[in-house]
Amino acid sequence: MQVNAEDITVPWGRAPDPLDQQMQRWRIAVFQDMQAAIDGSKLYWLYDPIADENSQTSGARKGGPSILVFDTNVRCFVRDIQLSLRPNVEGVPKYFFPLKSPSPAGGTALVLCTQMQGYGSATLQFWRLNMTADGMNLAGPMMPLLHNPIPVGEDWIVCMREDAPELALLTGPGLTVWRINVDSPQPTAPIDSFGVPDGDMRRYYDGFIHGGSFYLLASTHDGTFDFSHVHKLDITGHNRMIPTGTRPDSMRGYPPPRKQAALDCTGGHVLLAGGELEDPNTGFVQRLVDYWTLNLATLEWHQLPGQMPLPLIEPRLTATNFGQVFVWGDFDQPLPGMPSGTHVRILRMSGMAADAPPSYGLSMSGGSVPPYPTSSPPTYQQVTTAPPYPANYPSSNEAPYPQPGSGGYPQQQPPPGAYGQAAPSYPQQGGFGGGYPQQQVPYSAPSSSGYPQQMPPGQQAFYPPDNKKKDCSIM
C-alpha cells in the first residue's frame, strides 16, 4: 500500500481566496495542536500567543488565545475564534481533542486542555467546547469538566479514549493515572486515579491505549524515541507495568532513532511520520521523511512505502475520527509573497490509516476496526533487498525546495464543496499578489520498491525546545 500526501496548505495553481490576505498572518504562526471538524470540512488549530512569541521563528504574537478555522476546500484560514483564557486563571492552551458525538448545536465537540503555572507547581484543567453547526463559532461559553484542576509534574501525557467519551491523564513524579468523564453536562470529580509502582514518566516518549491496556512508547535518557520496546499497563491499574519487546519489520528492521517524531494511533496501529536526528559532533539537524506503523496486537513494526514530500520541522500527525490522517508542521522555505521564516504546512494523507474508528456505542458493545493494513503480508514486503539508510548527514548546500515559479509542478484539483457548495472560482487579484505555483514535487522520487533511496537534505533551523508534554489517542 503506497502512502501519498496531498499538500493542502494553499490552493496550488490557483489564485488565493480574498480571505487569505486578511488572515495571512496565521500562516506563519506556531500552533499547539490541530484537530478536524466532525464532517472533515475544516481543521481547527489551537493557538497560544505566548508559545508563538517565545518560538523566535515567526515574530510577534498574532492575536490572543484562539482557535483558528482552516477550510480544507478554500485552503486558507477563514475564522479566528477567541478563547476566554487568562494565563493565571484558566491557564494557557496546550492540546484539544474531538469527541465522536456532535455538540448539542450539531457541530464538533472538543475537549480543551489548559495548564496553569505558579510558584514552582503546575495544574491542568479540561474544558468542553461546543461548536456551532456551521463550524465557525463556539455555541456557548467554555465549561470546566473538573471541580478542581489536577496537579502535574514536569512530564505528563494526556489523551482521549477512542472507545468511550473519557480522557486519561498520566503524570509524574513517578506515574499516576487519572481518568476523566468528558461527556458530563457539569463539572465532576475524576472517575478514578491510581499510582503505578515502578512507573517513571521520564521513560516514556508517548502513549496509547488498545484492548484495555496502555501502551507507553519508550524513551532514552536524552528524549530519543526508543523503538525496541513498550511498557504495557492495564487501564484499571490492577496489574503491574510489563516491559514488552517489539518486533522489527522483516525486511527493513526498526525505524531509525529520532526525536520530534509525529505519532498518533488509530485502528489498533500506532502511526509514525518523520522526525529529526541531530549529529552529536556538529549539531546539524537532519529531518526524516519516512512512514511506519506499529501493530499493537503483534507489536511488529512495518515501514510503509512512500515519503513526505518535504521535511517538516517537528512534524505532528492527526488521525481523525472519520478515518482521515493529516501530517503537519513548520517549514522554513517561504511561500510566494510571504515574509521569510517558518510557515505551517498541511499534508492530507492517503493509504496510511484504517477505516474510521467505530462509534462509542459499537465500541462498548464489542465492535472492532478491521486490522490494518491487511491480515496477509503486504505486497511491498516482497522486495528482496531493502535499500540502506544513509550513514552520514547530507550536504546542506543541496537545493531543498523548488523555487516558486520554476515550473514542473503537478496541478492539484480542489475537492468539490466549500461550505457545502461548489468550489468558487478564485479572483486573480488579492492574496499574496497572484496565483500560487502548482504543487511542488517531492525531493526525490521513490525507488521501484516504493521506498525513498535517500533522505532529503537536512536544514539548520531554530525551533523552540520540546516542552516534554506529550499527547496520545486511546483505543
Foldseek 3Di string as FASTA:
>chain_A
DFKDWDWLQAQAPAAAFQVCQVQVLQQFFDFQEWAAKLVRQKIWTWHDQVQRCVFPFRHHGPDHGWIWIAGSQSNHTDATEHAPDDCQPQATWHYKDWANDAAPQQIIKMKTWGWHDDDHWIWIWIWIFHAHNLRHYTPDHIATQAPDTGTADLFKAKAAEPQAQKIWIWGDPFTKIWIGHPPDPHHDHTPDMDGAPPGHRQQFLYWAADPQKIWGFGADNVGKGDLQWTWIAGPVRPDHIDIDGAAEDPAAGHPDIAHLWAWADDQQKIKTAWHWDADPVPRFIAIFWWIWIQRNVRRYIDTHFDTDQAGADSKYWYQHQQGWIKIKHWDQDDFALDDGGIGIIIITMPPGTFGHADHNVCSVVPHGTPHPPDPDDDPLSPDPHDQDEDPDADDQPPPRFDDWPPDDADADDGDAAGSHHGRDRHDQQHNSGGHGHGDTGGPDACDPSRHRNYGGHGYDDRTDDDSNYHYYYYD
